[in-house]
Amino acid sequence: MWVWVYLVLFVSSGCASLVITKKAIGWAGRWGFLDRPGERKIHSTTRPRLGGIGICGGVFISA
């Protein structure tokens, strides 16, 4: 029985993380929280910097 509880928590955490991460990426572009390429960077395009908020948000919602 506890397996189902853990499975539901795991799936809900994953779904919440996906939704919040997509929102956070949009917010990063709108608010200017972007990592621009430079000499010491390996990426060649601008990347958002708020993706970790979505992961933390998903964990906190499921806890």
N, C-alpha and C. Protein backbone atom coordinates (compact mmCIF):
# COMPACT_ATOMS: atom_id res chain seq x y z
N MET A 1 0.81 -1.19 0.00
CA MET A 1 0.00 0.00 0.00
C MET A 1 0.86 1.26 0.00
N TRP A 2 1.94 1.29 0.76
CA TRP A 2 2.79 2.47 0.81
C TRP A 2 3.48 2.74 -0.52
N VAL A 3 3.62 1.69 -1.32
CA VAL A 3 4.25 1.88 -2.63
C VAL A 3 3.42 2.83 -3.48
N TRP A 4 2.11 2.73 -3.42
CA TRP A 4 1.23 3.61 -4.19
C TRP A 4 1.33 5.05 -3.72
N VAL A 5 1.47 5.24 -2.43
CA VAL A 5 1.61 6.60 -1.89
C VAL A 5 2.89 7.23 -2.41
N TYR A 6 3.98 6.46 -2.36
CA TYR A 6 5.26 6.99 -2.84
C TYR A 6 5.23 7.22 -4.35
N LEU A 7 4.55 6.35 -5.08
CA LEU A 7 4.43 6.51 -6.52
C LEU A 7 3.65 7.78 -6.88
N VAL A 8 2.56 8.01 -6.17
CA VAL A 8 1.76 9.22 -6.40
C VAL A 8 2.58 10.47 -6.07
N LEU A 9 3.31 10.45 -4.97
CA LEU A 9 4.14 11.60 -4.61
C LEU A 9 5.23 11.85 -5.65
N PHE A 10 5.84 10.77 -6.13
CA PHE A 10 6.90 10.90 -7.14
C PHE A 10 6.35 11.49 -8.43
N VAL A 11 5.23 10.97 -8.90
CA VAL A 11 4.64 11.45 -10.15
C VAL A 11 4.15 12.90 -10.00
N SER A 12 3.51 13.21 -8.89
CA SER A 12 3.03 14.59 -8.70
C SER A 12 4.20 15.57 -8.59
N SER A 13 5.28 15.15 -7.96
CA SER A 13 6.45 16.01 -7.86
C SER A 13 7.05 16.25 -9.25
N GLY A 14 7.12 15.21 -10.05
CA GLY A 14 7.65 15.35 -11.41
C GLY A 14 6.80 16.26 -12.26
N CYS A 15 5.49 16.08 -12.20
CA CYS A 15 4.58 16.92 -12.99
C CYS A 15 4.64 18.37 -12.54
N ALA A 16 4.65 18.60 -11.25
CA ALA A 16 4.74 19.97 -10.73
C ALA A 16 6.06 20.61 -11.14
N SER A 17 7.14 19.84 -11.10
CA SER A 17 8.44 20.38 -11.51
C SER A 17 8.45 20.77 -12.98
N LEU A 18 7.85 19.95 -13.82
CA LEU A 18 7.79 20.28 -15.25
C LEU A 18 7.01 21.57 -15.50
N VAL A 19 5.87 21.69 -14.86
CA VAL A 19 5.03 22.87 -15.07
C VAL A 19 5.72 24.13 -14.54
N ILE A 20 6.26 24.05 -13.35
CA ILE A 20 6.90 25.24 -12.75
C ILE A 20 8.18 25.60 -13.49
N THR A 21 8.93 24.61 -13.97
CA THR A 21 10.16 24.89 -14.72
C THR A 21 9.84 25.61 -16.02
N LYS A 22 8.79 25.18 -16.72
CA LYS A 22 8.40 25.87 -17.95
C LYS A 22 8.02 27.33 -17.66
N LYS A 23 7.28 27.55 -16.57
CA LYS A 23 6.92 28.92 -16.18
C LYS A 23 8.17 29.73 -15.82
N ALA A 24 9.09 29.12 -15.07
CA ALA A 24 10.30 29.83 -14.63
C ALA A 24 11.17 30.22 -15.81
N ILE A 25 11.22 29.37 -16.84
CA ILE A 25 12.00 29.71 -18.03
C ILE A 25 11.39 30.93 -18.72
N GLY A 26 10.08 30.99 -18.79
CA GLY A 26 9.42 32.17 -19.36
C GLY A 26 9.66 33.41 -18.54
N TRP A 27 9.59 33.28 -17.23
CA TRP A 27 9.86 34.42 -16.34
C TRP A 27 11.30 34.90 -16.49
N ALA A 28 12.23 33.98 -16.65
CA ALA A 28 13.64 34.36 -16.78
C ALA A 28 13.84 35.22 -18.01
N GLY A 29 13.20 34.86 -19.11
CA GLY A 29 13.32 35.68 -20.31
C GLY A 29 12.68 37.04 -20.16
N ARG A 30 11.56 37.09 -19.49
CA ARG A 30 10.83 38.34 -19.31
C ARG A 30 11.55 39.27 -18.34
N TRP A 31 12.12 38.73 -17.29
CA TRP A 31 12.75 39.55 -16.25
C TRP A 31 14.24 39.76 -16.46
N GLY A 32 14.82 39.09 -17.45
CA GLY A 32 16.23 39.31 -17.76
C GLY A 32 17.20 38.45 -16.98
N PHE A 33 16.75 37.37 -16.37
CA PHE A 33 17.65 36.45 -15.68
C PHE A 33 18.20 35.44 -16.68
N LEU A 34 19.12 35.91 -17.52
CA LEU A 34 19.66 35.09 -18.58
C LEU A 34 21.17 35.00 -18.46
N ASP A 35 21.72 33.85 -18.84
CA ASP A 35 23.16 33.64 -18.85
C ASP A 35 23.62 33.77 -20.29
N ARG A 36 24.38 34.80 -20.55
CA ARG A 36 24.83 35.06 -21.91
C ARG A 36 26.18 34.38 -22.16
N PRO A 37 26.42 33.92 -23.39
CA PRO A 37 27.70 33.26 -23.69
C PRO A 37 28.86 34.22 -23.59
N GLY A 38 30.00 33.68 -23.24
CA GLY A 38 31.21 34.46 -23.12
C GLY A 38 32.43 33.58 -23.32
N GLU A 39 33.59 34.10 -22.98
CA GLU A 39 34.83 33.36 -23.15
C GLU A 39 34.86 32.08 -22.32
N ARG A 40 34.39 32.16 -21.11
CA ARG A 40 34.50 31.04 -20.18
C ARG A 40 33.26 30.14 -20.17
N LYS A 41 32.32 30.38 -21.05
CA LYS A 41 31.07 29.60 -21.11
C LYS A 41 31.15 28.59 -22.25
N ILE A 42 30.48 27.46 -22.09
CA ILE A 42 30.51 26.46 -23.15
C ILE A 42 29.28 26.55 -24.06
N HIS A 43 28.25 27.28 -23.65
CA HIS A 43 27.06 27.39 -24.50
C HIS A 43 27.23 28.56 -25.46
N SER A 44 26.57 28.42 -26.63
CA SER A 44 26.70 29.45 -27.67
C SER A 44 25.47 30.33 -27.78
N THR A 45 24.40 30.01 -27.04
CA THR A 45 23.20 30.83 -27.06
C THR A 45 22.84 31.23 -25.63
N THR A 46 21.94 32.19 -25.51
CA THR A 46 21.50 32.66 -24.20
C THR A 46 20.69 31.57 -23.51
N ARG A 47 20.93 31.35 -22.22
CA ARG A 47 20.24 30.33 -21.44
C ARG A 47 19.56 30.97 -20.22
N PRO A 48 18.35 30.50 -19.88
CA PRO A 48 17.68 31.02 -18.67
C PRO A 48 18.35 30.51 -17.41
N ARG A 49 18.25 31.28 -16.32
CA ARG A 49 18.91 30.93 -15.08
C ARG A 49 17.95 30.54 -13.95
N LEU A 50 16.67 30.43 -14.20
CA LEU A 50 15.71 30.15 -13.13
C LEU A 50 15.15 28.72 -13.16
N GLY A 51 15.79 27.80 -13.86
CA GLY A 51 15.26 26.45 -13.96
C GLY A 51 15.24 25.70 -12.63
N GLY A 52 16.17 25.97 -11.76
CA GLY A 52 16.23 25.29 -10.46
C GLY A 52 15.05 25.63 -9.56
N ILE A 53 14.44 26.77 -9.78
CA ILE A 53 13.27 27.14 -8.99
C ILE A 53 12.12 26.17 -9.26
N GLY A 54 12.00 25.73 -10.49
CA GLY A 54 10.95 24.76 -10.82
C GLY A 54 11.15 23.43 -10.14
N ILE A 55 12.37 22.97 -10.06
CA ILE A 55 12.64 21.70 -9.40
C ILE A 55 12.36 21.81 -7.90
N CYS A 56 12.85 22.86 -7.28
CA CYS A 56 12.58 23.07 -5.85
C CYS A 56 11.09 23.24 -5.58
N GLY A 57 10.41 23.95 -6.44
CA GLY A 57 8.97 24.15 -6.28
C GLY A 57 8.21 22.85 -6.34
N GLY A 58 8.58 21.97 -7.25
CA GLY A 58 7.92 20.66 -7.35
C GLY A 58 8.13 19.81 -6.11
N VAL A 59 9.32 19.85 -5.56
CA VAL A 59 9.61 19.10 -4.34
C VAL A 59 8.83 19.67 -3.17
N PHE A 60 8.79 20.99 -3.04
CA PHE A 60 8.07 21.61 -1.93
C PHE A 60 6.57 21.37 -2.01
N ILE A 61 6.02 21.36 -3.22
CA ILE A 61 4.59 21.11 -3.37
C ILE A 61 4.25 19.69 -2.95
N SER A 62 5.11 18.74 -3.27
CA SER A 62 4.83 17.34 -2.94
C SER A 62 5.12 16.99 -1.50
N ALA A 63 5.89 17.79 -0.82
CA ALA A 63 6.26 17.47 0.56
C ALA A 63 5.17 17.72 1.55
